[in-house]
Amino acid sequence: MAVATLTEPELGELHGVCAANRSYWRRSGELDPENITVAAVAAMLRDDLAGAGTELRIARDEAGRLVGFAEILLAHPVDGDPWIGLLLVDGRLRRHGYGRAIATALEDRFRDEGAGRAGLAVLENNPEALAFWTALGYRETDRRPDRDRGRPCIVMHKNLRDRPRADRPAAHLTSTGEPAGEG
């Protein structure tokens, strides 16, 4: 996974991922699901990345197509753990393993950097996301409003010591943003 540059072409790709996930934006209230513009996506991402210790990582498939992205927080102010703030897969590519591959790549990175666990928060009104993260081994540790908007959330953590780091980049994704040969 590569760090996003937020260039005009990349913002166009990120807009495509966001526009293909209207149901998420209905739940979150962050973007108008009926009018997702490149400018709105750019403003949201720049706001989300304004804090220290935040990154936007993009995931591409073997052909170089942007398949999803993740916002990460390197050290949460409450628990000090790295957090996955948002993981979004292009809605047209769901159920192809990209979400799992992105999560695995992030967990491997956190593990390589010495983290013992990773955290995230799921909106209570998003049962699909809750099922996804639970299937990946995340467990509820708290319920509290999110820091920015006060929305009800389920806080989840995963012990990263439960599974060793993957020997190679997660299936379907390139490790540097460059197209890969075999996956």
C-alpha atoms as a PDB file:
ATOM      1  CA  MET A   1       0.000   0.000   0.000  1.00  0.00           C
ATOM      2  CA  ALA A   2       1.230   3.463  -0.822  1.00  0.00           C
ATOM      3  CA  VAL A   3       0.795   6.815   0.884  1.00  0.00           C
ATOM      4  CA  ALA A   4      -1.757   8.944  -0.939  1.00  0.00           C
ATOM      5  CA  THR A   5      -0.477  12.077  -2.643  1.00  0.00           C
ATOM      6  CA  LEU A   6      -3.881  13.715  -3.199  1.00  0.00           C
ATOM      7  CA  THR A   7      -2.912  14.811  -6.684  1.00  0.00           C
ATOM      8  CA  GLU A   8      -5.753  15.651  -9.040  1.00  0.00           C
ATOM      9  CA  PRO A   9      -5.718  12.230 -10.777  1.00  0.00           C
ATOM     10  CA  GLU A  10      -5.555  10.403  -7.453  1.00  0.00           C
ATOM     11  CA  LEU A  11      -8.404  12.510  -6.036  1.00  0.00           C
ATOM     12  CA  GLY A  12     -10.450  11.468  -9.060  1.00  0.00           C
ATOM     13  CA  GLU A  13      -9.801   7.821  -8.216  1.00  0.00           C
ATOM     14  CA  LEU A  14     -10.588   8.366  -4.519  1.00  0.00           C
ATOM     15  CA  HIS A  15     -13.801  10.112  -5.550  1.00  0.00           C
ATOM     16  CA  GLY A  16     -14.758   7.017  -7.552  1.00  0.00           C
ATOM     17  CA  VAL A  17     -14.284   4.800  -4.494  1.00  0.00           C
ATOM     18  CA  CYS A  18     -16.334   7.174  -2.349  1.00  0.00           C
ATOM     19  CA  ALA A  19     -19.096   7.566  -4.939  1.00  0.00           C
ATOM     20  CA  ALA A  20     -19.450   3.768  -5.108  1.00  0.00           C
ATOM     21  CA  ASN A  21     -20.257   3.651  -1.366  1.00  0.00           C
ATOM     22  CA  ARG A  22     -23.358   5.802  -1.024  1.00  0.00           C
ATOM     23  CA  SER A  23     -24.839   3.580   1.692  1.00  0.00           C
ATOM     24  CA  TYR A  24     -21.833   4.249   3.933  1.00  0.00           C
ATOM     25  CA  TRP A  25     -22.216   8.015   3.526  1.00  0.00           C
ATOM     26  CA  ARG A  26     -25.931   7.737   4.377  1.00  0.00           C
ATOM     27  CA  ARG A  27     -24.932   6.099   7.669  1.00  0.00           C
ATOM     28  CA  SER A  28     -21.988   8.347   8.493  1.00  0.00           C
ATOM     29  CA  GLY A  29     -23.369  11.706   7.403  1.00  0.00           C
ATOM     30  CA  GLU A  30     -19.926  12.896   6.312  1.00  0.00           C
ATOM     31  CA  LEU A  31     -20.733  13.300   2.608  1.00  0.00           C
ATOM     32  CA  ASP A  32     -24.028  13.927   0.843  1.00  0.00           C
ATOM     33  CA  PRO A  33     -24.670  10.484  -0.712  1.00  0.00           C
ATOM     34  CA  GLU A  34     -26.633  12.017  -3.581  1.00  0.00           C
ATOM     35  CA  ASN A  35     -23.969  14.606  -4.451  1.00  0.00           C
ATOM     36  CA  ILE A  36     -20.476  13.235  -3.836  1.00  0.00           C
ATOM     37  CA  THR A  37     -18.107  15.594  -5.607  1.00  0.00           C
ATOM     38  CA  VAL A  38     -14.349  15.485  -6.038  1.00  0.00           C
ATOM     39  CA  ALA A  39     -14.129  18.750  -4.089  1.00  0.00           C
ATOM     40  CA  ALA A  40     -16.134  17.307  -1.177  1.00  0.00           C
ATOM     41  CA  VAL A  41     -13.966  14.176  -1.075  1.00  0.00           C
ATOM     42  CA  ALA A  42     -10.787  16.278  -1.194  1.00  0.00           C
ATOM     43  CA  ALA A  43     -12.010  18.533   1.629  1.00  0.00           C
ATOM     44  CA  MET A  44     -13.040  15.561   3.782  1.00  0.00           C
ATOM     45  CA  LEU A  45      -9.709  13.780   3.296  1.00  0.00           C
ATOM     46  CA  ARG A  46      -7.654  16.911   3.931  1.00  0.00           C
ATOM     47  CA  ASP A  47      -9.638  17.581   7.135  1.00  0.00           C
ATOM     48  CA  ASP A  48      -9.206  13.968   8.264  1.00  0.00           C
ATOM     49  CA  LEU A  49      -5.456  14.127   7.626  1.00  0.00           C
ATOM     50  CA  ALA A  50      -4.894  17.512   9.286  1.00  0.00           C
ATOM     51  CA  GLY A  51      -3.910  15.976  12.626  1.00  0.00           C
ATOM     52  CA  ALA A  52      -0.442  14.787  13.469  1.00  0.00           C
ATOM     53  CA  GLY A  53       0.189  11.075  13.067  1.00  0.00           C
ATOM     54  CA  THR A  54      -2.476  10.445  10.435  1.00  0.00           C
ATOM     55  CA  GLU A  55      -1.953   8.877   7.029  1.00  0.00           C
ATOM     56  CA  LEU A  56      -4.040   7.998   4.014  1.00  0.00           C
ATOM     57  CA  ARG A  57      -2.943   4.707   2.452  1.00  0.00           C
ATOM     58  CA  ILE A  58      -4.197   3.617  -0.952  1.00  0.00           C
ATOM     59  CA  ALA A  59      -4.493   0.077  -2.253  1.00  0.00           C
ATOM     60  CA  ARG A  60      -4.137  -0.932  -5.880  1.00  0.00           C
ATOM     61  CA  ASP A  61      -4.712  -4.272  -7.542  1.00  0.00           C
ATOM     62  CA  GLU A  62      -2.280  -6.065  -9.832  1.00  0.00           C
ATOM     63  CA  ALA A  63      -3.424  -3.948 -12.771  1.00  0.00           C
ATOM     64  CA  GLY A  64      -2.752  -0.687 -10.906  1.00  0.00           C
ATOM     65  CA  ARG A  65      -6.434   0.120 -10.326  1.00  0.00           C
ATOM     66  CA  LEU A  66      -7.217   1.878  -7.026  1.00  0.00           C
ATOM     67  CA  VAL A  67      -9.443  -0.587  -5.159  1.00  0.00           C
ATOM     68  CA  GLY A  68      -9.690   1.102  -1.780  1.00  0.00           C
ATOM     69  CA  PHE A  69      -8.086   3.260   0.854  1.00  0.00           C
ATOM     70  CA  ALA A  70      -7.596   3.503   4.580  1.00  0.00           C
ATOM     71  CA  GLU A  71      -7.093   6.389   6.936  1.00  0.00           C
ATOM     72  CA  ILE A  72      -4.867   5.427   9.845  1.00  0.00           C
ATOM     73  CA  LEU A  73      -3.940   7.041  13.115  1.00  0.00           C
ATOM     74  CA  LEU A  74      -0.482   5.964  14.229  1.00  0.00           C
ATOM     75  CA  ALA A  75      -1.204   6.438  17.958  1.00  0.00           C
ATOM     76  CA  HIS A  76      -4.713   6.996  19.311  1.00  0.00           C
ATOM     77  CA  PRO A  77      -4.752   9.710  22.000  1.00  0.00           C
ATOM     78  CA  VAL A  78      -6.685   7.521  24.462  1.00  0.00           C
ATOM     79  CA  ASP A  79      -4.948   4.136  24.234  1.00  0.00           C
ATOM     80  CA  GLY A  80      -1.786   4.842  22.228  1.00  0.00           C
ATOM     81  CA  ASP A  81      -2.563   2.026  19.788  1.00  0.00           C
ATOM     82  CA  PRO A  82      -2.506   2.465  16.020  1.00  0.00           C
ATOM     83  CA  TRP A  83      -6.047   2.784  14.684  1.00  0.00           C
ATOM     84  CA  ILE A  84      -7.749   2.206  11.373  1.00  0.00           C
ATOM     85  CA  GLY A  85      -9.918   5.305  11.108  1.00  0.00           C
ATOM     86  CA  LEU A  86     -11.693   4.408   7.885  1.00  0.00           C
ATOM     87  CA  LEU A  87     -11.298   1.548   5.443  1.00  0.00           C
ATOM     88  CA  LEU A  88     -13.268   1.904   2.253  1.00  0.00           C
ATOM     89  CA  VAL A  89     -13.241  -0.514  -0.690  1.00  0.00           C
ATOM     90  CA  ASP A  90     -14.667   0.481  -4.046  1.00  0.00           C
ATOM     91  CA  GLY A  91     -18.314  -0.596  -3.757  1.00  0.00           C
ATOM     92  CA  ARG A  92     -18.168  -2.145  -7.238  1.00  0.00           C
ATOM     93  CA  LEU A  93     -15.385  -4.487  -6.028  1.00  0.00           C
ATOM     94  CA  ARG A  94     -16.824  -5.649  -2.722  1.00  0.00           C
ATOM     95  CA  ARG A  95     -16.618  -9.310  -1.767  1.00  0.00           C
ATOM     96  CA  HIS A  96     -13.377  -9.871  -3.694  1.00  0.00           C
ATOM     97  CA  GLY A  97     -11.075  -9.926  -0.650  1.00  0.00           C
ATOM     98  CA  TYR A  98      -9.751  -6.378  -0.976  1.00  0.00           C
ATOM     99  CA  GLY A  99     -10.996  -5.229   2.431  1.00  0.00           C
ATOM    100  CA  ARG A 100      -9.384  -8.197   4.143  1.00  0.00           C
ATOM    101  CA  ALA A 101      -6.164  -7.642   2.164  1.00  0.00           C
ATOM    102  CA  ILE A 102      -6.028  -3.957   3.134  1.00  0.00           C
ATOM    103  CA  ALA A 103      -6.688  -4.753   6.809  1.00  0.00           C
ATOM    104  CA  THR A 104      -4.007  -7.485   6.761  1.00  0.00           C
ATOM    105  CA  ALA A 105      -1.457  -5.140   5.190  1.00  0.00           C
ATOM    106  CA  LEU A 106      -2.164  -2.483   7.827  1.00  0.00           C
ATOM    107  CA  GLU A 107      -1.968  -5.008  10.667  1.00  0.00           C
ATOM    108  CA  ASP A 108       1.366  -6.280   9.299  1.00  0.00           C
ATOM    109  CA  ARG A 109       2.691  -2.742   9.222  1.00  0.00           C
ATOM    110  CA  PHE A 110       1.546  -2.059  12.791  1.00  0.00           C
ATOM    111  CA  ARG A 111       3.063  -5.367  13.914  1.00  0.00           C
ATOM    112  CA  ASP A 112       6.364  -4.521  12.174  1.00  0.00           C
ATOM    113  CA  GLU A 113       6.398  -1.212  14.040  1.00  0.00           C
ATOM    114  CA  GLY A 114       6.039  -3.032  17.377  1.00  0.00           C
ATOM    115  CA  ALA A 115       2.332  -2.598  18.077  1.00  0.00           C
ATOM    116  CA  GLY A 116       0.733  -5.269  20.218  1.00  0.00           C
ATOM    117  CA  ARG A 117      -2.794  -4.427  19.159  1.00  0.00           C
ATOM    118  CA  ALA A 118      -4.763  -2.275  16.741  1.00  0.00           C
ATOM    119  CA  GLY A 119      -8.004  -0.407  17.260  1.00  0.00           C
ATOM    120  CA  LEU A 120     -10.900   1.017  15.315  1.00  0.00           C
ATOM    121  CA  ALA A 121     -14.439   2.216  15.805  1.00  0.00           C
ATOM    122  CA  VAL A 122     -17.513   1.069  13.903  1.00  0.00           C
ATOM    123  CA  LEU A 123     -20.648   3.173  13.685  1.00  0.00           C
ATOM    124  CA  GLU A 124     -23.397   1.386  15.625  1.00  0.00           C
ATOM    125  CA  ASN A 125     -25.705   1.804  12.610  1.00  0.00           C
ATOM    126  CA  ASN A 126     -23.328  -0.163  10.351  1.00  0.00           C
ATOM    127  CA  PRO A 127     -23.919  -3.892  10.983  1.00  0.00           C
ATOM    128  CA  GLU A 128     -22.057  -4.924   7.804  1.00  0.00           C
ATOM    129  CA  ALA A 129     -18.875  -3.241   9.035  1.00  0.00           C
ATOM    130  CA  LEU A 130     -19.309  -4.769  12.478  1.00  0.00           C
ATOM    131  CA  ALA A 131     -19.605  -8.251  10.930  1.00  0.00           C
ATOM    132  CA  PHE A 132     -16.539  -7.622   8.723  1.00  0.00           C
ATOM    133  CA  TRP A 133     -14.283  -6.513  11.578  1.00  0.00           C
ATOM    134  CA  THR A 134     -15.547  -9.245  13.892  1.00  0.00           C
ATOM    135  CA  ALA A 135     -14.712 -11.845  11.220  1.00  0.00           C
ATOM    136  CA  LEU A 136     -11.176 -10.419  11.110  1.00  0.00           C
ATOM    137  CA  GLY A 137     -10.723 -10.963  14.842  1.00  0.00           C
ATOM    138  CA  TYR A 138     -11.561  -7.544  16.263  1.00  0.00           C
ATOM    139  CA  ARG A 139     -13.497  -7.598  19.530  1.00  0.00           C
ATOM    140  CA  GLU A 140     -15.654  -4.965  21.171  1.00  0.00           C
ATOM    141  CA  THR A 141     -13.860  -3.172  23.989  1.00  0.00           C
ATOM    142  CA  ASP A 142     -16.102  -0.149  24.534  1.00  0.00           C
ATOM    143  CA  ARG A 143     -19.031   1.873  23.263  1.00  0.00           C
ATOM    144  CA  ARG A 144     -18.696   5.619  23.041  1.00  0.00           C
ATOM    145  CA  PRO A 145     -19.358   8.519  20.688  1.00  0.00           C
ATOM    146  CA  ASP A 146     -16.747   9.244  18.057  1.00  0.00           C
ATOM    147  CA  ARG A 147     -14.445  12.174  18.781  1.00  0.00           C
ATOM    148  CA  ASP A 148     -15.368  14.364  15.823  1.00  0.00           C
ATOM    149  CA  ARG A 149     -19.128  14.031  15.392  1.00  0.00           C
ATOM    150  CA  GLY A 150     -20.455  12.351  18.523  1.00  0.00           C
ATOM    151  CA  ARG A 151     -21.958   9.438  16.578  1.00  0.00           C
ATOM    152  CA  PRO A 152     -22.560   6.230  18.592  1.00  0.00           C
ATOM    153  CA  CYS A 153     -19.690   3.813  17.952  1.00  0.00           C
ATOM    154  CA  ILE A 154     -18.503   0.367  18.904  1.00  0.00           C
ATOM    155  CA  VAL A 155     -14.800   0.503  19.785  1.00  0.00           C
ATOM    156  CA  MET A 156     -12.939  -2.645  18.774  1.00  0.00           C
ATOM    157  CA  HIS A 157      -9.397  -3.946  19.235  1.00  0.00           C
ATOM    158  CA  LYS A 158      -7.400  -6.857  17.899  1.00  0.00           C
ATOM    159  CA  ASN A 159      -4.405  -8.477  19.521  1.00  0.00           C
ATOM    160  CA  LEU A 160      -1.748  -8.418  16.802  1.00  0.00           C
ATOM    161  CA  ARG A 161       0.296 -11.068  18.538  1.00  0.00           C
ATOM    162  CA  ASP A 162      -2.382 -13.664  17.749  1.00  0.00           C
ATOM    163  CA  ARG A 163      -1.044 -14.127  14.206  1.00  0.00           C
ATOM    164  CA  PRO A 164       2.451 -13.681  12.835  1.00  0.00           C
ATOM    165  CA  ARG A 165       3.120 -11.216  10.071  1.00  0.00           C
ATOM    166  CA  ALA A 166       2.316 -12.376   6.537  1.00  0.00           C
ATOM    167  CA  ASP A 167       5.377 -13.472   4.566  1.00  0.00           C
ATOM    168  CA  ARG A 168       4.399 -11.438   1.521  1.00  0.00           C
ATOM    169  CA  PRO A 169       2.064  -8.563   0.651  1.00  0.00           C
ATOM    170  CA  ALA A 170      -1.609  -9.324   1.124  1.00  0.00           C
ATOM    171  CA  ALA A 171      -3.306 -11.044  -1.802  1.00  0.00           C
ATOM    172  CA  HIS A 172      -4.562  -8.796  -4.584  1.00  0.00           C
ATOM    173  CA  LEU A 173      -2.584  -5.728  -3.518  1.00  0.00           C
ATOM    174  CA  THR A 174       0.742  -4.277  -4.464  1.00  0.00           C
ATOM    175  CA  SER A 175       3.035  -3.296  -1.626  1.00  0.00           C
ATOM    176  CA  THR A 176       4.283  -0.035  -3.099  1.00  0.00           C
ATOM    177  CA  GLY A 177       1.440   1.179  -5.226  1.00  0.00           C
ATOM    178  CA  GLU A 178       3.132  -0.180  -8.330  1.00  0.00           C
ATOM    179  CA  PRO A 179       1.409  -2.991 -10.214  1.00  0.00           C
ATOM    180  CA  ALA A 180       2.563  -6.411  -9.030  1.00  0.00           C
ATOM    181  CA  GLY A 181       3.318  -9.473 -11.084  1.00  0.00           C
ATOM    182  CA  GLU A 182       1.693 -12.445  -9.384  1.00  0.00           C
ATOM    183  CA  GLY A 183      -0.512 -12.069  -6.311  1.00  0.00           C
END
